[in-house]
Amino acid sequence: MDHAPGRAYIGRMNLSTRIFTLLNGRRVGRDAAGNVYYEDKKIRAHTRTRRWVDYAGPPEATKVPPEWHAWLHYTTDAPITVAAPRPWIKAHEPNHTGSAEGYRPAGHDYMGGKRAAATGDYEAWSPDSPPGP
């Protein structure tokens, strides 16, 4: 989902969260994926300021990049600024488990279901095998 920069967008929040955010939230920033981050407007005595995220798409915690994850979990007081890109740093990717982009080894049914024969003393168990030693 693409949104105009600088526009206060409240995306997939349910109605009560949307109302709470409009009344109590202060927008802190937005990440490259379009997720918008908020914290309480009011400073509360003896408690941490609440922080939350409005996802730009289906809510999925692995879509939060490391610099914002550190802020959400009170590791830093301010979001970490993203430094100039370095050649060894990969772009953040959400967890792909359970999706079409997830890892599938060569023997997986979706990858043809065939793999190299096992080597060594390994024998696959089957219900018809005689009992072991």
N, C-alpha and C. Protein backbone atom coordinates (compact mmCIF):
# COMPACT_ATOMS: atom_id res chain seq x y z
N MET A 1 0.85 -1.17 0.00
CA MET A 1 0.00 0.00 0.00
C MET A 1 0.90 1.23 0.00
N ASP A 2 0.70 2.13 -0.91
CA ASP A 2 1.54 3.31 -1.00
C ASP A 2 0.76 4.53 -0.52
N HIS A 3 1.41 5.34 0.32
CA HIS A 3 0.75 6.50 0.88
C HIS A 3 1.60 7.73 0.62
N ALA A 4 0.96 8.87 0.52
CA ALA A 4 1.68 10.12 0.29
C ALA A 4 2.52 10.45 1.52
N PRO A 5 3.81 10.85 1.32
CA PRO A 5 4.64 11.18 2.46
C PRO A 5 4.06 12.36 3.24
N GLY A 6 4.21 12.31 4.55
CA GLY A 6 3.77 13.40 5.39
C GLY A 6 2.28 13.38 5.71
N ARG A 7 1.56 12.48 5.10
CA ARG A 7 0.12 12.40 5.35
C ARG A 7 -0.14 11.48 6.54
N ALA A 8 -0.91 11.95 7.49
CA ALA A 8 -1.24 11.12 8.65
C ALA A 8 -2.21 10.05 8.19
N TYR A 9 -1.75 8.83 8.08
CA TYR A 9 -2.57 7.75 7.58
C TYR A 9 -2.80 6.74 8.69
N ILE A 10 -4.03 6.41 8.94
CA ILE A 10 -4.35 5.37 9.89
C ILE A 10 -5.01 4.27 9.08
N GLY A 11 -4.24 3.22 8.82
CA GLY A 11 -4.62 2.20 7.87
C GLY A 11 -5.55 1.13 8.38
N ARG A 12 -5.02 0.02 8.80
CA ARG A 12 -5.81 -1.16 9.09
C ARG A 12 -6.19 -1.29 10.56
N MET A 13 -6.15 -0.22 11.29
CA MET A 13 -6.54 -0.28 12.70
C MET A 13 -8.04 -0.53 12.80
N ASN A 14 -8.43 -1.23 13.87
CA ASN A 14 -9.87 -1.35 14.09
C ASN A 14 -10.38 -0.01 14.62
N LEU A 15 -11.67 0.13 14.71
CA LEU A 15 -12.27 1.42 15.05
C LEU A 15 -11.82 1.94 16.42
N SER A 16 -11.80 1.08 17.43
CA SER A 16 -11.41 1.55 18.77
C SER A 16 -9.95 1.99 18.81
N THR A 17 -9.06 1.26 18.12
CA THR A 17 -7.64 1.65 18.08
C THR A 17 -7.47 2.95 17.30
N ARG A 18 -8.24 3.11 16.24
CA ARG A 18 -8.17 4.34 15.45
C ARG A 18 -8.58 5.55 16.30
N ILE A 19 -9.67 5.42 17.04
CA ILE A 19 -10.14 6.52 17.89
C ILE A 19 -9.11 6.81 18.99
N PHE A 20 -8.59 5.74 19.62
CA PHE A 20 -7.57 5.91 20.66
C PHE A 20 -6.36 6.66 20.09
N THR A 21 -5.91 6.26 18.89
CA THR A 21 -4.74 6.89 18.27
C THR A 21 -5.01 8.36 17.96
N LEU A 22 -6.17 8.68 17.43
CA LEU A 22 -6.50 10.07 17.11
C LEU A 22 -6.54 10.94 18.37
N LEU A 23 -7.05 10.39 19.47
CA LEU A 23 -7.17 11.16 20.71
C LEU A 23 -5.87 11.20 21.52
N ASN A 24 -5.12 10.11 21.54
CA ASN A 24 -3.99 9.99 22.46
C ASN A 24 -2.63 9.85 21.80
N GLY A 25 -2.58 9.62 20.50
CA GLY A 25 -1.32 9.32 19.84
C GLY A 25 -0.61 10.52 19.26
N ARG A 26 0.72 10.46 19.33
CA ARG A 26 1.58 11.44 18.67
C ARG A 26 2.41 10.67 17.66
N ARG A 27 2.32 11.07 16.40
CA ARG A 27 3.06 10.36 15.36
C ARG A 27 4.56 10.61 15.52
N VAL A 28 5.32 9.53 15.55
CA VAL A 28 6.76 9.64 15.73
C VAL A 28 7.47 9.53 14.39
N GLY A 29 6.99 8.67 13.51
CA GLY A 29 7.64 8.52 12.21
C GLY A 29 7.04 7.40 11.39
N ARG A 30 7.71 7.16 10.27
CA ARG A 30 7.28 6.15 9.30
C ARG A 30 8.52 5.45 8.78
N ASP A 31 8.41 4.16 8.54
CA ASP A 31 9.54 3.43 7.98
C ASP A 31 9.41 3.32 6.46
N ALA A 32 10.38 2.70 5.84
CA ALA A 32 10.40 2.59 4.38
C ALA A 32 9.23 1.76 3.84
N ALA A 33 8.69 0.87 4.65
CA ALA A 33 7.57 0.03 4.21
C ALA A 33 6.22 0.74 4.35
N GLY A 34 6.20 1.92 4.97
CA GLY A 34 4.96 2.66 5.14
C GLY A 34 4.29 2.47 6.49
N ASN A 35 4.88 1.67 7.37
CA ASN A 35 4.35 1.51 8.73
C ASN A 35 4.50 2.83 9.47
N VAL A 36 3.49 3.22 10.26
CA VAL A 36 3.52 4.49 10.99
C VAL A 36 3.60 4.17 12.48
N TYR A 37 4.47 4.90 13.18
CA TYR A 37 4.74 4.64 14.59
C TYR A 37 4.24 5.79 15.45
N TYR A 38 3.63 5.43 16.60
CA TYR A 38 3.02 6.41 17.49
C TYR A 38 3.49 6.17 18.92
N GLU A 39 3.35 7.23 19.74
CA GLU A 39 3.51 7.11 21.18
C GLU A 39 2.49 8.01 21.84
N ASP A 40 2.29 7.80 23.15
CA ASP A 40 1.34 8.62 23.90
C ASP A 40 1.71 10.10 23.83
N LYS A 41 0.69 10.96 23.72
CA LYS A 41 0.92 12.41 23.76
C LYS A 41 1.32 12.83 25.17
N LYS A 42 0.69 12.23 26.17
CA LYS A 42 0.90 12.62 27.56
C LYS A 42 2.04 11.82 28.18
N ILE A 43 2.84 12.47 28.98
CA ILE A 43 3.87 11.78 29.74
C ILE A 43 3.23 11.31 31.03
N ARG A 44 3.38 10.04 31.34
CA ARG A 44 2.77 9.47 32.52
C ARG A 44 3.83 9.28 33.60
N ALA A 45 3.47 9.60 34.82
CA ALA A 45 4.40 9.43 35.94
C ALA A 45 4.57 7.96 36.26
N HIS A 46 5.79 7.54 36.48
CA HIS A 46 6.14 6.20 36.94
C HIS A 46 5.81 5.08 35.95
N THR A 47 5.54 5.38 34.72
CA THR A 47 5.31 4.34 33.70
C THR A 47 5.98 4.76 32.40
N ARG A 48 6.19 3.79 31.58
CA ARG A 48 6.74 4.07 30.25
C ARG A 48 5.65 4.66 29.36
N THR A 49 6.07 5.45 28.41
CA THR A 49 5.14 5.96 27.40
C THR A 49 4.77 4.81 26.47
N ARG A 50 3.49 4.64 26.21
CA ARG A 50 3.06 3.57 25.31
C ARG A 50 3.51 3.88 23.89
N ARG A 51 3.91 2.85 23.17
CA ARG A 51 4.33 2.97 21.77
C ARG A 51 3.62 1.90 20.97
N TRP A 52 3.23 2.25 19.75
CA TRP A 52 2.55 1.27 18.90
C TRP A 52 2.78 1.59 17.44
N VAL A 53 2.40 0.63 16.59
CA VAL A 53 2.62 0.76 15.15
C VAL A 53 1.30 0.51 14.42
N ASP A 54 1.11 1.27 13.35
CA ASP A 54 0.01 1.04 12.42
C ASP A 54 0.64 0.47 11.15
N TYR A 55 0.40 -0.80 10.90
CA TYR A 55 1.02 -1.49 9.76
C TYR A 55 0.43 -1.02 8.44
N ALA A 56 1.26 -0.92 7.44
CA ALA A 56 0.83 -0.57 6.09
C ALA A 56 0.51 -1.87 5.35
N GLY A 57 -0.50 -2.53 5.77
CA GLY A 57 -0.87 -3.83 5.22
C GLY A 57 -1.30 -4.71 6.36
N PRO A 58 -1.38 -6.00 6.12
CA PRO A 58 -1.79 -6.91 7.19
C PRO A 58 -0.83 -6.81 8.37
N PRO A 59 -1.33 -6.82 9.60
CA PRO A 59 -0.44 -6.72 10.75
C PRO A 59 0.49 -7.93 10.84
N GLU A 60 1.76 -7.69 10.78
CA GLU A 60 2.77 -8.74 10.83
C GLU A 60 4.01 -8.17 11.50
N ALA A 61 4.31 -8.65 12.71
CA ALA A 61 5.40 -8.08 13.51
C ALA A 61 6.75 -8.16 12.81
N THR A 62 6.96 -9.15 11.94
CA THR A 62 8.27 -9.27 11.29
C THR A 62 8.47 -8.21 10.20
N LYS A 63 7.45 -7.40 9.93
CA LYS A 63 7.59 -6.32 8.96
C LYS A 63 8.19 -5.06 9.58
N VAL A 64 8.42 -5.08 10.90
CA VAL A 64 9.01 -3.93 11.57
C VAL A 64 10.53 -4.03 11.42
N PRO A 65 11.18 -3.03 10.80
CA PRO A 65 12.63 -3.09 10.63
C PRO A 65 13.36 -2.91 11.97
N PRO A 66 14.63 -3.33 12.05
CA PRO A 66 15.36 -3.33 13.32
C PRO A 66 15.40 -1.98 14.03
N GLU A 67 15.57 -0.89 13.28
CA GLU A 67 15.68 0.42 13.95
C GLU A 67 14.38 0.80 14.67
N TRP A 68 13.25 0.41 14.10
CA TRP A 68 11.97 0.70 14.76
C TRP A 68 11.65 -0.34 15.82
N HIS A 69 12.10 -1.57 15.65
CA HIS A 69 11.91 -2.60 16.66
C HIS A 69 12.59 -2.17 17.96
N ALA A 70 13.80 -1.64 17.85
CA ALA A 70 14.52 -1.17 19.04
C ALA A 70 13.74 -0.07 19.75
N TRP A 71 13.15 0.82 18.99
CA TRP A 71 12.37 1.91 19.60
C TRP A 71 11.09 1.37 20.24
N LEU A 72 10.36 0.51 19.54
CA LEU A 72 9.11 -0.03 20.08
C LEU A 72 9.33 -0.77 21.40
N HIS A 73 10.48 -1.42 21.54
CA HIS A 73 10.77 -2.23 22.72
C HIS A 73 11.64 -1.50 23.74
N TYR A 74 11.68 -0.18 23.64
CA TYR A 74 12.35 0.69 24.63
C TYR A 74 13.86 0.43 24.75
N THR A 75 14.47 -0.11 23.70
CA THR A 75 15.92 -0.27 23.69
C THR A 75 16.58 1.08 23.45
N THR A 76 15.92 1.93 22.67
CA THR A 76 16.41 3.28 22.41
C THR A 76 15.29 4.27 22.71
N ASP A 77 15.69 5.50 23.02
CA ASP A 77 14.68 6.55 23.29
C ASP A 77 14.14 7.16 22.01
N ALA A 78 14.92 7.09 20.95
CA ALA A 78 14.50 7.63 19.65
C ALA A 78 14.80 6.57 18.60
N PRO A 79 14.05 6.56 17.51
CA PRO A 79 14.35 5.59 16.46
C PRO A 79 15.78 5.77 15.96
N ILE A 80 16.44 4.67 15.66
CA ILE A 80 17.81 4.71 15.15
C ILE A 80 17.77 5.25 13.73
N THR A 81 18.61 6.22 13.45
CA THR A 81 18.65 6.75 12.09
C THR A 81 19.37 5.75 11.20
N VAL A 82 18.86 5.60 10.02
CA VAL A 82 19.45 4.66 9.08
C VAL A 82 20.64 5.34 8.43
N ALA A 83 21.81 4.74 8.61
CA ALA A 83 23.04 5.29 8.05
C ALA A 83 23.08 5.04 6.55
N ALA A 84 24.08 5.61 5.91
CA ALA A 84 24.26 5.38 4.48
C ALA A 84 24.35 3.87 4.23
N PRO A 85 23.73 3.40 3.18
CA PRO A 85 23.74 1.95 2.93
C PRO A 85 25.17 1.42 2.77
N ARG A 86 25.42 0.30 3.37
CA ARG A 86 26.72 -0.35 3.26
C ARG A 86 26.54 -1.60 2.40
N PRO A 87 27.57 -2.00 1.66
CA PRO A 87 27.40 -3.13 0.74
C PRO A 87 27.10 -4.46 1.43
N TRP A 88 27.47 -4.60 2.71
CA TRP A 88 27.25 -5.87 3.40
C TRP A 88 25.90 -5.95 4.11
N ILE A 89 25.15 -4.86 4.13
CA ILE A 89 23.86 -4.85 4.81
C ILE A 89 22.75 -5.19 3.82
N LYS A 90 21.98 -6.22 4.17
CA LYS A 90 20.85 -6.59 3.33
C LYS A 90 19.63 -5.76 3.72
N ALA A 91 18.74 -5.55 2.79
CA ALA A 91 17.48 -4.87 3.09
C ALA A 91 16.65 -5.75 4.01
N HIS A 92 15.88 -5.12 4.90
CA HIS A 92 15.04 -5.87 5.84
C HIS A 92 13.97 -6.64 5.08
N GLU A 93 13.77 -7.89 5.48
CA GLU A 93 12.70 -8.70 4.90
C GLU A 93 11.88 -9.30 6.03
N PRO A 94 10.57 -9.35 5.88
CA PRO A 94 9.76 -10.03 6.90
C PRO A 94 9.98 -11.53 6.84
N ASN A 95 9.52 -12.23 7.85
CA ASN A 95 9.61 -13.68 7.90
C ASN A 95 8.70 -14.27 6.81
N HIS A 96 9.27 -15.12 5.96
CA HIS A 96 8.49 -15.69 4.85
C HIS A 96 7.93 -17.07 5.15
N THR A 97 8.09 -17.56 6.37
CA THR A 97 7.61 -18.90 6.73
C THR A 97 6.11 -19.01 6.44
N GLY A 98 5.74 -20.08 5.78
CA GLY A 98 4.33 -20.32 5.48
C GLY A 98 3.83 -19.62 4.24
N SER A 99 4.68 -18.86 3.57
CA SER A 99 4.27 -18.18 2.35
C SER A 99 4.97 -18.82 1.16
N ALA A 100 4.62 -18.39 -0.04
CA ALA A 100 5.25 -18.93 -1.25
C ALA A 100 6.74 -18.61 -1.30
N GLU A 101 7.17 -17.55 -0.60
CA GLU A 101 8.58 -17.17 -0.60
C GLU A 101 9.39 -17.90 0.47
N GLY A 102 8.72 -18.72 1.29
CA GLY A 102 9.40 -19.44 2.36
C GLY A 102 10.39 -20.46 1.81
N TYR A 103 11.36 -20.84 2.66
CA TYR A 103 12.38 -21.81 2.26
C TYR A 103 11.77 -23.19 2.10
N ARG A 104 12.14 -23.86 1.02
CA ARG A 104 11.72 -25.23 0.78
C ARG A 104 12.93 -26.01 0.30
N PRO A 105 13.35 -27.03 1.03
CA PRO A 105 14.50 -27.80 0.60
C PRO A 105 14.20 -28.60 -0.66
N ALA A 106 15.24 -29.15 -1.25
CA ALA A 106 15.10 -29.86 -2.53
C ALA A 106 14.08 -30.99 -2.47
N GLY A 107 13.93 -31.68 -1.33
CA GLY A 107 13.00 -32.80 -1.24
C GLY A 107 11.56 -32.42 -0.95
N HIS A 108 11.28 -31.14 -0.83
CA HIS A 108 9.92 -30.68 -0.53
C HIS A 108 8.99 -30.99 -1.70
N ASP A 109 7.74 -31.32 -1.39
CA ASP A 109 6.78 -31.65 -2.45
C ASP A 109 6.64 -30.53 -3.48
N TYR A 110 6.66 -29.28 -3.04
CA TYR A 110 6.53 -28.16 -3.98
C TYR A 110 7.78 -27.98 -4.85
N MET A 111 8.88 -28.62 -4.45
CA MET A 111 10.12 -28.52 -5.21
C MET A 111 10.36 -29.79 -6.02
N GLY A 112 9.34 -30.57 -6.25
CA GLY A 112 9.46 -31.78 -7.05
C GLY A 112 9.40 -33.05 -6.24
N GLY A 113 9.63 -32.98 -4.93
CA GLY A 113 9.52 -34.13 -4.07
C GLY A 113 10.65 -35.14 -4.19
N LYS A 114 11.71 -34.82 -4.89
CA LYS A 114 12.83 -35.74 -5.07
C LYS A 114 14.06 -35.14 -4.43
N ARG A 115 14.84 -35.98 -3.78
CA ARG A 115 16.09 -35.54 -3.18
C ARG A 115 17.13 -36.63 -3.37
N ALA A 116 18.37 -36.28 -3.10
CA ALA A 116 19.45 -37.24 -3.22
C ALA A 116 19.26 -38.36 -2.19
N ALA A 117 19.69 -39.54 -2.54
CA ALA A 117 19.57 -40.68 -1.62
C ALA A 117 20.41 -40.42 -0.38
N ALA A 118 19.93 -40.92 0.76
CA ALA A 118 20.67 -40.78 2.01
C ALA A 118 21.92 -41.65 1.94
N THR A 119 22.97 -41.21 2.59
CA THR A 119 24.22 -41.97 2.60
C THR A 119 24.50 -42.50 3.99
N GLY A 120 25.49 -43.37 4.09
CA GLY A 120 25.89 -43.88 5.39
C GLY A 120 24.97 -44.98 5.88
N ASP A 121 24.80 -45.08 7.18
CA ASP A 121 24.04 -46.17 7.76
C ASP A 121 22.58 -45.79 8.01
N TYR A 122 22.11 -44.73 7.38
CA TYR A 122 20.74 -44.28 7.61
C TYR A 122 19.74 -45.15 6.85
N GLU A 123 18.70 -45.58 7.53
CA GLU A 123 17.59 -46.26 6.88
C GLU A 123 16.31 -45.61 7.36
N ALA A 124 15.48 -45.21 6.45
CA ALA A 124 14.21 -44.60 6.82
C ALA A 124 13.32 -45.63 7.47
N TRP A 125 12.63 -45.24 8.52
CA TRP A 125 11.70 -46.15 9.20
C TRP A 125 10.41 -46.24 8.40
N SER A 126 9.81 -47.38 8.41
CA SER A 126 8.48 -47.54 7.85
C SER A 126 7.71 -48.48 8.78
N PRO A 127 6.40 -48.41 8.76
CA PRO A 127 5.62 -49.28 9.66
C PRO A 127 5.84 -50.76 9.42
N ASP A 128 6.26 -51.12 8.21
CA ASP A 128 6.47 -52.54 7.87
C ASP A 128 7.85 -53.03 8.24
N SER A 129 8.73 -52.16 8.72
CA SER A 129 10.10 -52.56 9.08
C SER A 129 10.08 -53.50 10.28
N PRO A 130 11.01 -54.45 10.32
CA PRO A 130 11.08 -55.31 11.51
C PRO A 130 11.57 -54.49 12.70
N PRO A 131 11.27 -54.92 13.91
CA PRO A 131 11.71 -54.18 15.10
C PRO A 131 13.23 -54.06 15.12
N GLY A 132 13.70 -53.00 15.77
CA GLY A 132 15.14 -52.72 15.84
C GLY A 132 15.90 -53.69 16.69
N PRO A 133 17.19 -53.44 16.91
CA PRO A 133 18.07 -54.38 17.63
C PRO A 133 17.66 -54.70 19.00
